[in-house]
Structures are given as C-alpha cells and as structure tokens.
Amino acid sequence: MAKVSSQQLKRRRMPRQERSLITVDAIFEATIQVLLAEGPIRLNTTRVAERTGVSVGTLYQYFPNKQSLLLALLERHLISLTHIVENACHENLHAESDKIASVVVRAYLEAIMTHAEVSPALYYIAVDLDAGKLLDGAVQKSVQAIEKLLASASDSHFSECHVIAQTMAAVLFGTVPVFCMRVMSASAGVEAERQLVLMFRAYLTAHKQGTV
C-alpha cells in the first residue's frame, strides 16, 4: 500500500444527517468484513461498496480513496479505545493503588479485545499509513485519564503522576498489540492480563516506597 499525503487522506465530507451517519457506519462495518475476508492488501473501495450495498460513487462522497477509508476506520477504533480507558479511570477515582493497576490493564485489554479479530489488520494499517499522530493522540488521552486516576489514589501520593501514567500507557500501547498479532487461547489471555497487573502493581508499589 503506497504512502499518500495527509491531504489525500482527508474525507470529502463529514456525515451529519442520520441517513448519512447510517451509511458511513455501514461502510465501516463492510470494511471490517472485507478486511477479515480478504486482508488489507486485497481490500479495495469496490469490494467495500459491494459489501455495503452502495455504489462506489456514494462511498467516494465520504472517502476519496482506500487509504482515507482505512485511516477513518483506525480513527474510529482509537476513539472507542480511549473512551473505554477514560470511562474506566473516571469510574474508579479514589481507588487504592492495587486496584488502579488492574483497572488500567483491564480497560485497555477490554478495548483491544472488543475488536480482537480485526485488531491485527488495524495495527498493520497504522504502520502502513504512518498514522503516528492518531496513535499519539490516543496515547495522550489515555495518559491524561490514568494521571487523574493516580492523582486521586486513596492510599498513596504519587509525586510523578504524569511520568508514571506515560510509562504505563507506553507499556500497554507497546506490548498489548503484540498479543493481538496472534490468536491467543482464553487461558493465555487471562495469564497475559495477570502478568501485566503484577507488573503495574510492583511499579506503583516501588513509587509508593520511594525506591524509583
């Protein structure tokens, strides 16, 4: 998939009316279906339009090319991911630090596994389209949510909340996608979550004790 400029990746128009929103949602769902059936390389706007049940011209009203469609799909995925993390952090303000570790890990894994089948393709898209700004935006929103959660901890005072939150987000965004690149059994997924929670609890405990 060739690299294209940011100008080429812009949507032609944003959906505002309910009918347009429904059409765009259908296009996104069809894109996911084609991704799963054909893979990102064989995916094209013709296949997506056919799967959606609309003309290619209708699809082009919203997305000028394949790349802009895939980038919009990735953006939707990242927005969903950050909302889950932000909501979990907000709902658990004033929790103890041990619980904070599990809240952050479980929220992120839930967000990723909600789209477990298509996640590998989405991360392929992210690399291929050089979607650094989108990914960075998702990371920073997650960092802000985790930082607020840490600052509210009921049993600790973390003097470096922002740095700790950045580190936790970096571990999740850098490590968990690797899990998504292969099919994992349910037991392996549970064990991955357990290991990440242990890691974060040890990290937060070290900060509480002033050893880092």
N, C-alpha and C. Protein backbone atom coordinates (compact mmCIF):
# COMPACT_ATOMS: atom_id res chain seq x y z
N MET A 1 0.85 -1.19 0.00
CA MET A 1 0.00 0.00 0.00
C MET A 1 0.89 1.24 0.00
N ALA A 2 0.81 2.07 -1.01
CA ALA A 2 1.69 3.22 -1.14
C ALA A 2 1.34 4.30 -0.13
N LYS A 3 2.39 5.03 0.32
CA LYS A 3 2.18 6.14 1.22
C LYS A 3 1.52 7.28 0.45
N VAL A 4 0.60 8.00 1.13
CA VAL A 4 -0.06 9.12 0.49
C VAL A 4 0.01 10.30 1.43
N SER A 5 -0.22 11.50 0.87
CA SER A 5 -0.13 12.71 1.67
C SER A 5 -1.34 12.85 2.59
N SER A 6 -1.18 13.67 3.65
CA SER A 6 -2.28 13.89 4.58
C SER A 6 -3.47 14.54 3.89
N GLN A 7 -3.21 15.36 2.87
CA GLN A 7 -4.30 16.00 2.13
C GLN A 7 -5.14 14.96 1.40
N GLN A 8 -4.49 13.93 0.86
CA GLN A 8 -5.20 12.88 0.15
C GLN A 8 -6.03 12.01 1.09
N LEU A 9 -5.64 11.98 2.37
CA LEU A 9 -6.32 11.14 3.34
C LEU A 9 -7.54 11.79 3.95
N LYS A 10 -7.77 13.07 3.68
CA LYS A 10 -8.91 13.76 4.26
C LYS A 10 -10.22 13.26 3.65
N ARG A 11 -11.26 13.18 4.48
CA ARG A 11 -12.57 12.82 3.97
C ARG A 11 -13.11 13.92 3.07
N ARG A 12 -13.95 13.54 2.11
CA ARG A 12 -14.57 14.54 1.26
C ARG A 12 -15.61 15.34 2.04
N ARG A 13 -16.38 14.66 2.91
CA ARG A 13 -17.36 15.36 3.71
C ARG A 13 -17.65 14.57 4.97
N MET A 14 -18.07 15.27 6.01
CA MET A 14 -18.41 14.63 7.26
C MET A 14 -19.91 14.36 7.30
N PRO A 15 -20.32 13.15 7.69
CA PRO A 15 -21.75 12.85 7.76
C PRO A 15 -22.42 13.61 8.90
N ARG A 16 -23.57 14.20 8.64
CA ARG A 16 -24.28 14.96 9.67
C ARG A 16 -25.73 14.46 9.84
N GLN A 17 -26.40 14.20 8.74
CA GLN A 17 -27.77 13.72 8.83
C GLN A 17 -27.78 12.25 9.23
N GLU A 18 -28.89 11.82 9.84
CA GLU A 18 -28.98 10.45 10.35
C GLU A 18 -28.76 9.42 9.24
N ARG A 19 -29.31 9.69 8.07
CA ARG A 19 -29.15 8.75 6.95
C ARG A 19 -27.68 8.62 6.56
N SER A 20 -26.98 9.76 6.53
CA SER A 20 -25.56 9.73 6.18
C SER A 20 -24.75 8.99 7.24
N LEU A 21 -25.09 9.20 8.51
CA LEU A 21 -24.40 8.51 9.59
C LEU A 21 -24.58 7.00 9.48
N ILE A 22 -25.79 6.59 9.14
CA ILE A 22 -26.07 5.16 8.97
C ILE A 22 -25.27 4.59 7.82
N THR A 23 -25.17 5.36 6.72
CA THR A 23 -24.41 4.91 5.56
C THR A 23 -22.93 4.74 5.91
N VAL A 24 -22.37 5.71 6.61
CA VAL A 24 -20.95 5.65 6.98
C VAL A 24 -20.70 4.49 7.93
N ASP A 25 -21.59 4.27 8.88
CA ASP A 25 -21.44 3.13 9.80
C ASP A 25 -21.46 1.82 9.01
N ALA A 26 -22.35 1.75 8.03
CA ALA A 26 -22.44 0.53 7.20
C ALA A 26 -21.15 0.34 6.40
N ILE A 27 -20.59 1.44 5.91
CA ILE A 27 -19.32 1.37 5.17
C ILE A 27 -18.21 0.85 6.08
N PHE A 28 -18.16 1.36 7.32
CA PHE A 28 -17.14 0.89 8.26
C PHE A 28 -17.29 -0.60 8.54
N GLU A 29 -18.52 -1.04 8.78
CA GLU A 29 -18.74 -2.45 9.08
C GLU A 29 -18.38 -3.32 7.88
N ALA A 30 -18.71 -2.85 6.68
CA ALA A 30 -18.35 -3.60 5.47
C ALA A 30 -16.83 -3.65 5.30
N THR A 31 -16.16 -2.56 5.65
CA THR A 31 -14.70 -2.52 5.55
C THR A 31 -14.09 -3.57 6.48
N ILE A 32 -14.62 -3.69 7.69
CA ILE A 32 -14.13 -4.70 8.62
C ILE A 32 -14.35 -6.10 8.06
N GLN A 33 -15.53 -6.34 7.48
CA GLN A 33 -15.83 -7.65 6.92
C GLN A 33 -14.87 -8.00 5.78
N VAL A 34 -14.59 -7.02 4.93
CA VAL A 34 -13.66 -7.27 3.81
C VAL A 34 -12.24 -7.48 4.33
N LEU A 35 -11.86 -6.70 5.34
CA LEU A 35 -10.54 -6.88 5.96
C LEU A 35 -10.37 -8.31 6.46
N LEU A 36 -11.39 -8.82 7.15
CA LEU A 36 -11.31 -10.16 7.71
C LEU A 36 -11.32 -11.23 6.62
N ALA A 37 -12.09 -10.98 5.56
CA ALA A 37 -12.24 -11.97 4.50
C ALA A 37 -11.09 -11.93 3.49
N GLU A 38 -10.59 -10.73 3.19
CA GLU A 38 -9.62 -10.56 2.10
C GLU A 38 -8.25 -10.10 2.56
N GLY A 39 -8.18 -9.46 3.74
CA GLY A 39 -6.91 -8.89 4.19
C GLY A 39 -6.76 -7.47 3.70
N PRO A 40 -5.88 -6.69 4.34
CA PRO A 40 -5.74 -5.27 3.99
C PRO A 40 -5.19 -5.01 2.59
N ILE A 41 -4.40 -5.93 2.05
CA ILE A 41 -3.81 -5.70 0.72
C ILE A 41 -4.87 -5.85 -0.37
N ARG A 42 -5.73 -6.86 -0.27
CA ARG A 42 -6.75 -7.10 -1.29
C ARG A 42 -7.98 -6.22 -1.12
N LEU A 43 -8.11 -5.57 0.03
CA LEU A 43 -9.25 -4.68 0.24
C LEU A 43 -9.19 -3.52 -0.74
N ASN A 44 -10.32 -3.20 -1.35
CA ASN A 44 -10.40 -2.00 -2.19
C ASN A 44 -11.81 -1.41 -2.07
N THR A 45 -11.97 -0.21 -2.59
CA THR A 45 -13.24 0.50 -2.43
C THR A 45 -14.38 -0.21 -3.16
N THR A 46 -14.09 -0.88 -4.26
CA THR A 46 -15.13 -1.60 -4.99
C THR A 46 -15.71 -2.73 -4.14
N ARG A 47 -14.82 -3.51 -3.51
CA ARG A 47 -15.28 -4.62 -2.66
C ARG A 47 -16.08 -4.08 -1.47
N VAL A 48 -15.61 -2.99 -0.88
CA VAL A 48 -16.30 -2.42 0.27
C VAL A 48 -17.68 -1.91 -0.14
N ALA A 49 -17.76 -1.21 -1.28
CA ALA A 49 -19.04 -0.69 -1.75
C ALA A 49 -20.02 -1.83 -2.02
N GLU A 50 -19.54 -2.90 -2.65
CA GLU A 50 -20.41 -4.05 -2.93
C GLU A 50 -20.92 -4.67 -1.63
N ARG A 51 -20.01 -4.81 -0.66
CA ARG A 51 -20.41 -5.40 0.63
C ARG A 51 -21.40 -4.50 1.37
N THR A 52 -21.23 -3.19 1.21
CA THR A 52 -22.12 -2.23 1.88
C THR A 52 -23.48 -2.19 1.20
N GLY A 53 -23.50 -2.42 -0.12
CA GLY A 53 -24.74 -2.29 -0.88
C GLY A 53 -24.96 -0.89 -1.40
N VAL A 54 -23.87 -0.15 -1.60
CA VAL A 54 -23.94 1.19 -2.17
C VAL A 54 -23.03 1.25 -3.38
N SER A 55 -23.17 2.31 -4.17
CA SER A 55 -22.30 2.49 -5.32
C SER A 55 -20.93 3.00 -4.87
N VAL A 56 -19.93 2.79 -5.69
CA VAL A 56 -18.61 3.33 -5.40
C VAL A 56 -18.66 4.85 -5.31
N GLY A 57 -19.52 5.44 -6.17
CA GLY A 57 -19.68 6.90 -6.13
C GLY A 57 -20.18 7.39 -4.78
N THR A 58 -21.11 6.65 -4.19
CA THR A 58 -21.60 7.02 -2.86
C THR A 58 -20.50 6.93 -1.83
N LEU A 59 -19.71 5.86 -1.90
CA LEU A 59 -18.59 5.72 -0.97
C LEU A 59 -17.62 6.88 -1.12
N TYR A 60 -17.35 7.28 -2.38
CA TYR A 60 -16.41 8.37 -2.63
C TYR A 60 -16.92 9.73 -2.13
N GLN A 61 -18.22 9.83 -1.87
CA GLN A 61 -18.73 11.07 -1.30
C GLN A 61 -18.16 11.32 0.09
N TYR A 62 -17.78 10.23 0.77
CA TYR A 62 -17.26 10.34 2.13
C TYR A 62 -15.76 10.09 2.21
N PHE A 63 -15.27 9.15 1.40
CA PHE A 63 -13.86 8.78 1.44
C PHE A 63 -13.30 8.79 0.02
N PRO A 64 -12.32 9.66 -0.26
CA PRO A 64 -11.82 9.80 -1.63
C PRO A 64 -11.00 8.62 -2.13
N ASN A 65 -10.53 7.75 -1.23
CA ASN A 65 -9.72 6.62 -1.64
C ASN A 65 -9.65 5.58 -0.54
N LYS A 66 -9.03 4.48 -0.84
CA LYS A 66 -8.91 3.37 0.12
C LYS A 66 -8.18 3.81 1.38
N GLN A 67 -7.13 4.58 1.22
CA GLN A 67 -6.32 4.98 2.38
C GLN A 67 -7.11 5.85 3.36
N SER A 68 -7.89 6.78 2.82
CA SER A 68 -8.67 7.65 3.71
C SER A 68 -9.73 6.85 4.45
N LEU A 69 -10.29 5.83 3.80
CA LEU A 69 -11.27 4.96 4.43
C LEU A 69 -10.63 4.18 5.58
N LEU A 70 -9.46 3.60 5.33
CA LEU A 70 -8.79 2.82 6.36
C LEU A 70 -8.33 3.68 7.52
N LEU A 71 -7.89 4.90 7.22
CA LEU A 71 -7.46 5.79 8.29
C LEU A 71 -8.65 6.19 9.16
N ALA A 72 -9.80 6.42 8.53
CA ALA A 72 -11.01 6.77 9.29
C ALA A 72 -11.45 5.59 10.15
N LEU A 73 -11.30 4.37 9.64
CA LEU A 73 -11.64 3.18 10.42
C LEU A 73 -10.72 3.05 11.63
N LEU A 74 -9.43 3.29 11.41
CA LEU A 74 -8.47 3.27 12.52
C LEU A 74 -8.80 4.34 13.55
N GLU A 75 -9.15 5.52 13.07
CA GLU A 75 -9.51 6.61 13.98
C GLU A 75 -10.71 6.22 14.84
N ARG A 76 -11.71 5.59 14.23
CA ARG A 76 -12.88 5.16 14.99
C ARG A 76 -12.49 4.14 16.06
N HIS A 77 -11.61 3.22 15.71
CA HIS A 77 -11.14 2.22 16.67
C HIS A 77 -10.42 2.88 17.84
N LEU A 78 -9.56 3.85 17.57
CA LEU A 78 -8.80 4.51 18.63
C LEU A 78 -9.69 5.36 19.52
N ILE A 79 -10.70 5.98 18.93
CA ILE A 79 -11.66 6.76 19.74
C ILE A 79 -12.40 5.83 20.69
N SER A 80 -12.83 4.67 20.19
CA SER A 80 -13.51 3.70 21.04
C SER A 80 -12.59 3.23 22.16
N LEU A 81 -11.34 2.97 21.83
CA LEU A 81 -10.37 2.51 22.82
C LEU A 81 -10.18 3.54 23.93
N THR A 82 -9.95 4.80 23.56
CA THR A 82 -9.70 5.82 24.57
C THR A 82 -10.93 6.09 25.43
N HIS A 83 -12.12 5.99 24.84
CA HIS A 83 -13.35 6.19 25.62
C HIS A 83 -13.46 5.12 26.72
N ILE A 84 -13.14 3.88 26.38
CA ILE A 84 -13.22 2.81 27.37
C ILE A 84 -12.23 3.05 28.50
N VAL A 85 -11.01 3.44 28.16
CA VAL A 85 -9.99 3.71 29.18
C VAL A 85 -10.39 4.92 30.03
N GLU A 86 -10.84 5.98 29.38
CA GLU A 86 -11.24 7.19 30.11
C GLU A 86 -12.40 6.91 31.06
N ASN A 87 -13.40 6.17 30.59
CA ASN A 87 -14.56 5.86 31.43
C ASN A 87 -14.17 5.01 32.63
N ALA A 88 -13.32 4.02 32.40
CA ALA A 88 -12.89 3.15 33.49
C ALA A 88 -12.12 3.94 34.54
N CYS A 89 -11.25 4.82 34.10
CA CYS A 89 -10.48 5.64 35.04
C CYS A 89 -11.40 6.57 35.83
N HIS A 90 -12.34 7.19 35.15
CA HIS A 90 -13.27 8.12 35.81
C HIS A 90 -14.13 7.39 36.84
N GLU A 91 -14.58 6.19 36.50
CA GLU A 91 -15.47 5.45 37.39
C GLU A 91 -14.75 4.89 38.62
N ASN A 92 -13.41 4.90 38.59
CA ASN A 92 -12.65 4.32 39.70
C ASN A 92 -11.76 5.34 40.40
N LEU A 93 -12.10 6.62 40.29
CA LEU A 93 -11.36 7.64 41.02
C LEU A 93 -11.39 7.33 42.51
N HIS A 94 -10.27 7.61 43.19
CA HIS A 94 -10.11 7.41 44.64
C HIS A 94 -9.95 5.94 45.02
N ALA A 95 -9.65 5.10 44.03
CA ALA A 95 -9.38 3.69 44.32
C ALA A 95 -7.98 3.54 44.93
N GLU A 96 -7.72 2.40 45.55
CA GLU A 96 -6.38 2.10 46.06
C GLU A 96 -5.46 1.75 44.89
N SER A 97 -4.16 1.90 45.11
CA SER A 97 -3.21 1.74 44.01
C SER A 97 -3.22 0.34 43.41
N ASP A 98 -3.44 -0.70 44.21
CA ASP A 98 -3.51 -2.05 43.66
C ASP A 98 -4.67 -2.18 42.67
N LYS A 99 -5.80 -1.57 43.02
CA LYS A 99 -6.95 -1.62 42.12
C LYS A 99 -6.69 -0.78 40.88
N ILE A 100 -5.99 0.34 41.04
CA ILE A 100 -5.68 1.18 39.88
C ILE A 100 -4.93 0.37 38.82
N ALA A 101 -4.00 -0.45 39.26
CA ALA A 101 -3.22 -1.26 38.31
C ALA A 101 -4.14 -2.17 37.50
N SER A 102 -5.07 -2.84 38.18
CA SER A 102 -5.97 -3.76 37.46
C SER A 102 -6.98 -3.02 36.61
N VAL A 103 -7.45 -1.86 37.07
CA VAL A 103 -8.42 -1.07 36.30
C VAL A 103 -7.83 -0.66 34.96
N VAL A 104 -6.61 -0.15 34.98
CA VAL A 104 -5.98 0.33 33.75
C VAL A 104 -5.74 -0.82 32.78
N VAL A 105 -5.21 -1.92 33.28
CA VAL A 105 -4.92 -3.06 32.41
C VAL A 105 -6.20 -3.64 31.81
N ARG A 106 -7.21 -3.85 32.65
CA ARG A 106 -8.44 -4.47 32.17
C ARG A 106 -9.18 -3.58 31.18
N ALA A 107 -9.16 -2.27 31.42
CA ALA A 107 -9.83 -1.35 30.50
C ALA A 107 -9.18 -1.41 29.12
N TYR A 108 -7.86 -1.37 29.10
CA TYR A 108 -7.16 -1.38 27.82
C TYR A 108 -7.37 -2.71 27.10
N LEU A 109 -7.25 -3.83 27.83
CA LEU A 109 -7.45 -5.13 27.20
C LEU A 109 -8.88 -5.29 26.69
N GLU A 110 -9.84 -4.78 27.46
CA GLU A 110 -11.23 -4.83 27.01
C GLU A 110 -11.40 -4.08 25.70
N ALA A 111 -10.78 -2.90 25.62
CA ALA A 111 -10.88 -2.09 24.42
C ALA A 111 -10.28 -2.80 23.21
N ILE A 112 -9.13 -3.43 23.43
CA ILE A 112 -8.46 -4.14 22.34
C ILE A 112 -9.24 -5.38 21.93
N MET A 113 -9.67 -6.16 22.92
CA MET A 113 -10.31 -7.44 22.62
C MET A 113 -11.73 -7.27 22.10
N THR A 114 -12.32 -6.09 22.27
CA THR A 114 -13.63 -5.82 21.67
C THR A 114 -13.56 -5.98 20.15
N HIS A 115 -12.40 -5.68 19.60
CA HIS A 115 -12.17 -5.82 18.15
C HIS A 115 -11.03 -6.80 17.90
N ALA A 116 -11.02 -7.90 18.66
CA ALA A 116 -9.89 -8.83 18.63
C ALA A 116 -9.59 -9.37 17.24
N GLU A 117 -10.65 -9.70 16.48
CA GLU A 117 -10.42 -10.31 15.18
C GLU A 117 -9.77 -9.35 14.19
N VAL A 118 -10.18 -8.07 14.26
CA VAL A 118 -9.70 -7.12 13.27
C VAL A 118 -8.49 -6.32 13.77
N SER A 119 -8.15 -6.43 15.05
CA SER A 119 -7.05 -5.64 15.61
C SER A 119 -5.73 -5.81 14.86
N PRO A 120 -5.32 -7.04 14.49
CA PRO A 120 -4.06 -7.16 13.75
C PRO A 120 -4.06 -6.34 12.46
N ALA A 121 -5.17 -6.37 11.73
CA ALA A 121 -5.25 -5.60 10.49
C ALA A 121 -5.20 -4.11 10.76
N LEU A 122 -5.83 -3.67 11.85
CA LEU A 122 -5.83 -2.25 12.19
C LEU A 122 -4.43 -1.77 12.53
N TYR A 123 -3.65 -2.60 13.21
CA TYR A 123 -2.28 -2.19 13.54
C TYR A 123 -1.39 -2.22 12.30
N TYR A 124 -1.68 -3.12 11.39
CA TYR A 124 -0.98 -3.11 10.10
C TYR A 124 -1.27 -1.80 9.37
N ILE A 125 -2.53 -1.40 9.39
CA ILE A 125 -2.93 -0.15 8.75
C ILE A 125 -2.21 1.03 9.38
N ALA A 126 -2.12 1.03 10.72
CA ALA A 126 -1.49 2.14 11.43
C ALA A 126 -0.04 2.32 10.99
N VAL A 127 0.68 1.21 10.84
CA VAL A 127 2.08 1.28 10.41
C VAL A 127 2.17 1.69 8.95
N ASP A 128 1.34 1.08 8.12
CA ASP A 128 1.42 1.31 6.68
C ASP A 128 1.04 2.74 6.30
N LEU A 129 0.08 3.32 7.02
CA LEU A 129 -0.35 4.69 6.71
C LEU A 129 0.42 5.74 7.51
N ASP A 130 1.38 5.27 8.32
CA ASP A 130 2.17 6.19 9.13
C ASP A 130 1.25 7.08 9.97
N ALA A 131 0.36 6.43 10.71
CA ALA A 131 -0.67 7.15 11.47
C ALA A 131 -0.18 7.55 12.85
N GLY A 132 1.02 8.10 12.90
CA GLY A 132 1.64 8.46 14.18
C GLY A 132 0.84 9.46 14.98
N LYS A 133 0.27 10.45 14.32
CA LYS A 133 -0.48 11.48 15.04
C LYS A 133 -1.74 10.92 15.68
N LEU A 134 -2.42 10.04 14.95
CA LEU A 134 -3.62 9.42 15.52
C LEU A 134 -3.27 8.58 16.74
N LEU A 135 -2.23 7.77 16.62
CA LEU A 135 -1.81 6.92 17.72
C LEU A 135 -1.34 7.74 18.92
N ASP A 136 -0.58 8.79 18.63
CA ASP A 136 -0.09 9.64 19.72
C ASP A 136 -1.25 10.31 20.44
N GLY A 137 -2.27 10.73 19.69
CA GLY A 137 -3.44 11.35 20.31
C GLY A 137 -4.14 10.39 21.25
N ALA A 138 -4.27 9.11 20.83
CA ALA A 138 -4.91 8.11 21.68
C ALA A 138 -4.09 7.85 22.93
N VAL A 139 -2.77 7.78 22.76
CA VAL A 139 -1.89 7.56 23.91
C VAL A 139 -2.01 8.71 24.90
N GLN A 140 -1.97 9.93 24.41
CA GLN A 140 -2.01 11.09 25.31
C GLN A 140 -3.33 11.22 26.05
N LYS A 141 -4.44 10.89 25.40
CA LYS A 141 -5.73 10.90 26.09
C LYS A 141 -5.76 9.84 27.19
N SER A 142 -5.18 8.69 26.90
CA SER A 142 -5.10 7.64 27.91
C SER A 142 -4.20 8.06 29.07
N VAL A 143 -3.09 8.71 28.74
CA VAL A 143 -2.17 9.20 29.77
C VAL A 143 -2.88 10.17 30.70
N GLN A 144 -3.64 11.09 30.14
CA GLN A 144 -4.35 12.08 30.95
C GLN A 144 -5.35 11.41 31.90
N ALA A 145 -6.05 10.39 31.39
CA ALA A 145 -7.03 9.68 32.23
C ALA A 145 -6.34 8.91 33.35
N ILE A 146 -5.25 8.24 33.02
CA ILE A 146 -4.51 7.47 34.03
C ILE A 146 -3.88 8.40 35.06
N GLU A 147 -3.39 9.54 34.59
CA GLU A 147 -2.79 10.52 35.51
C GLU A 147 -3.80 11.01 36.55
N LYS A 148 -5.01 11.31 36.12
CA LYS A 148 -6.06 11.75 37.05
C LYS A 148 -6.41 10.64 38.05
N LEU A 149 -6.43 9.41 37.55
CA LEU A 149 -6.72 8.27 38.42
C LEU A 149 -5.63 8.13 39.48
N LEU A 150 -4.38 8.24 39.08
CA LEU A 150 -3.26 8.14 40.02
C LEU A 150 -3.29 9.26 41.05
N ALA A 151 -3.60 10.46 40.59
CA ALA A 151 -3.62 11.62 41.49
C ALA A 151 -4.71 11.48 42.55
N SER A 152 -5.73 10.68 42.25
CA SER A 152 -6.85 10.52 43.19
C SER A 152 -6.67 9.32 44.12
N ALA A 153 -5.58 8.57 43.99
CA ALA A 153 -5.38 7.34 44.76
C ALA A 153 -5.65 7.55 46.25
N SER A 154 -6.42 6.66 46.85
CA SER A 154 -6.84 6.83 48.24
C SER A 154 -5.77 6.41 49.25
N ASP A 155 -4.78 5.62 48.80
CA ASP A 155 -3.79 5.11 49.74
C ASP A 155 -2.37 5.58 49.46
N SER A 156 -2.22 6.48 48.50
CA SER A 156 -0.86 6.88 48.10
C SER A 156 -0.85 8.30 47.58
N HIS A 157 0.35 8.90 47.60
CA HIS A 157 0.57 10.16 46.92
C HIS A 157 1.73 9.97 45.97
N PHE A 158 1.42 9.99 44.68
CA PHE A 158 2.45 9.81 43.66
C PHE A 158 2.93 11.19 43.20
N SER A 159 4.21 11.44 43.39
CA SER A 159 4.75 12.77 43.06
C SER A 159 4.99 12.95 41.57
N GLU A 160 5.03 11.84 40.83
CA GLU A 160 5.31 11.91 39.39
C GLU A 160 4.17 11.25 38.61
N CYS A 161 2.96 11.71 38.86
CA CYS A 161 1.78 11.07 38.23
C CYS A 161 1.87 11.06 36.71
N HIS A 162 2.31 12.17 36.12
CA HIS A 162 2.34 12.24 34.67
C HIS A 162 3.35 11.26 34.08
N VAL A 163 4.52 11.19 34.68
CA VAL A 163 5.56 10.27 34.19
C VAL A 163 5.13 8.83 34.37
N ILE A 164 4.53 8.52 35.53
CA ILE A 164 4.05 7.16 35.79
C ILE A 164 2.97 6.79 34.76
N ALA A 165 2.04 7.71 34.54
CA ALA A 165 0.96 7.45 33.57
C ALA A 165 1.53 7.25 32.17
N GLN A 166 2.51 8.05 31.79
CA GLN A 166 3.14 7.89 30.47
C GLN A 166 3.79 6.52 30.34
N THR A 167 4.45 6.08 31.41
CA THR A 167 5.12 4.78 31.38
C THR A 167 4.11 3.65 31.25
N MET A 168 3.03 3.72 32.02
CA MET A 168 2.01 2.68 31.95
C MET A 168 1.37 2.62 30.57
N ALA A 169 1.05 3.78 30.01
CA ALA A 169 0.45 3.82 28.67
C ALA A 169 1.42 3.29 27.62
N ALA A 170 2.70 3.62 27.77
CA ALA A 170 3.71 3.16 26.81
C ALA A 170 3.81 1.63 26.84
N VAL A 171 3.75 1.05 28.04
CA VAL A 171 3.80 -0.41 28.15
C VAL A 171 2.60 -1.04 27.46
N LEU A 172 1.41 -0.50 27.73
CA LEU A 172 0.20 -1.07 27.15
C LEU A 172 0.17 -0.92 25.64
N PHE A 173 0.37 0.29 25.15
CA PHE A 173 0.29 0.52 23.71
C PHE A 173 1.44 -0.16 22.97
N GLY A 174 2.56 -0.38 23.67
CA GLY A 174 3.70 -1.01 23.01
C GLY A 174 3.71 -2.52 23.10
N THR A 175 3.05 -3.08 24.12
CA THR A 175 3.10 -4.52 24.38
C THR A 175 1.86 -5.25 23.93
N VAL A 176 0.69 -4.73 24.28
CA VAL A 176 -0.55 -5.44 24.01
C VAL A 176 -0.78 -5.70 22.52
N PRO A 177 -0.48 -4.74 21.62
CA PRO A 177 -0.68 -5.06 20.19
C PRO A 177 0.04 -6.31 19.73
N VAL A 178 1.16 -6.65 20.39
CA VAL A 178 1.87 -7.88 20.04
C VAL A 178 0.99 -9.09 20.31
N PHE A 179 0.21 -9.02 21.42
CA PHE A 179 -0.70 -10.11 21.72
C PHE A 179 -1.73 -10.27 20.61
N CYS A 180 -2.13 -9.15 20.03
CA CYS A 180 -3.20 -9.16 19.03
C CYS A 180 -2.74 -9.72 17.69
N MET A 181 -1.44 -9.86 17.51
CA MET A 181 -0.94 -10.30 16.22
C MET A 181 -1.02 -11.82 16.06
N ARG A 182 -1.44 -12.51 17.11
CA ARG A 182 -1.61 -13.95 17.01
C ARG A 182 -2.84 -14.35 17.82
N VAL A 183 -3.40 -15.48 17.47
CA VAL A 183 -4.59 -15.94 18.17
C VAL A 183 -4.17 -16.51 19.52
N MET A 184 -4.79 -16.02 20.57
CA MET A 184 -4.47 -16.50 21.91
C MET A 184 -5.66 -17.26 22.49
N SER A 185 -5.37 -18.29 23.24
CA SER A 185 -6.44 -19.01 23.94
C SER A 185 -6.96 -18.13 25.06
N ALA A 186 -8.15 -18.47 25.56
CA ALA A 186 -8.73 -17.70 26.66
C ALA A 186 -7.82 -17.72 27.87
N SER A 187 -7.22 -18.90 28.16
CA SER A 187 -6.35 -19.00 29.32
C SER A 187 -5.09 -18.16 29.15
N ALA A 188 -4.58 -18.08 27.92
CA ALA A 188 -3.39 -17.26 27.66
C ALA A 188 -3.72 -15.79 27.84
N GLY A 189 -4.93 -15.39 27.43
CA GLY A 189 -5.35 -14.01 27.61
C GLY A 189 -5.46 -13.64 29.07
N VAL A 190 -6.00 -14.55 29.87
CA VAL A 190 -6.11 -14.32 31.31
C VAL A 190 -4.73 -14.20 31.93
N GLU A 191 -3.81 -15.06 31.50
CA GLU A 191 -2.46 -15.01 32.04
C GLU A 191 -1.74 -13.73 31.63
N ALA A 192 -1.96 -13.26 30.41
CA ALA A 192 -1.35 -12.01 29.96
C ALA A 192 -1.84 -10.85 30.83
N GLU A 193 -3.14 -10.83 31.12
CA GLU A 193 -3.69 -9.80 31.99
C GLU A 193 -3.07 -9.88 33.38
N ARG A 194 -2.95 -11.09 33.92
CA ARG A 194 -2.38 -11.26 35.25
C ARG A 194 -0.95 -10.74 35.32
N GLN A 195 -0.16 -11.04 34.30
CA GLN A 195 1.23 -10.61 34.28
C GLN A 195 1.34 -9.08 34.21
N LEU A 196 0.50 -8.46 33.40
CA LEU A 196 0.53 -7.01 33.28
C LEU A 196 0.10 -6.34 34.59
N VAL A 197 -0.91 -6.89 35.25
CA VAL A 197 -1.36 -6.33 36.53
C VAL A 197 -0.25 -6.45 37.57
N LEU A 198 0.41 -7.61 37.62
CA LEU A 198 1.53 -7.78 38.55
C LEU A 198 2.63 -6.76 38.29
N MET A 199 2.92 -6.55 37.01
CA MET A 199 3.95 -5.59 36.63
C MET A 199 3.60 -4.19 37.12
N PHE A 200 2.36 -3.77 36.87
CA PHE A 200 1.94 -2.42 37.25
C PHE A 200 1.84 -2.26 38.76
N ARG A 201 1.39 -3.30 39.46
CA ARG A 201 1.32 -3.21 40.92
C ARG A 201 2.70 -3.06 41.52
N ALA A 202 3.65 -3.82 41.01
CA ALA A 202 5.03 -3.72 41.50
C ALA A 202 5.60 -2.33 41.21
N TYR A 203 5.31 -1.81 40.05
CA TYR A 203 5.79 -0.48 39.66
C TYR A 203 5.21 0.60 40.57
N LEU A 204 3.90 0.53 40.82
CA LEU A 204 3.27 1.53 41.68
C LEU A 204 3.73 1.38 43.14
N THR A 205 3.93 0.15 43.59
CA THR A 205 4.44 -0.07 44.94
C THR A 205 5.82 0.52 45.11
N ALA A 206 6.64 0.37 44.10
CA ALA A 206 8.00 0.94 44.15
C ALA A 206 7.94 2.47 44.26
N HIS A 207 7.01 3.07 43.55
CA HIS A 207 6.85 4.53 43.64
C HIS A 207 6.32 4.94 45.01
N LYS A 208 5.43 4.16 45.57
CA LYS A 208 4.92 4.47 46.90
C LYS A 208 6.03 4.43 47.95
N GLN A 209 6.95 3.48 47.78
CA GLN A 209 8.03 3.30 48.74
C GLN A 209 9.23 4.19 48.46
N GLY A 210 9.15 4.93 47.36
CA GLY A 210 10.22 5.85 47.01
C GLY A 210 11.49 5.18 46.55
N THR A 211 11.36 3.98 45.97
CA THR A 211 12.57 3.26 45.52
C THR A 211 12.88 3.48 44.05
N VAL A 212 12.04 4.27 43.36
CA VAL A 212 12.33 4.61 41.95
C VAL A 212 12.32 6.11 41.77
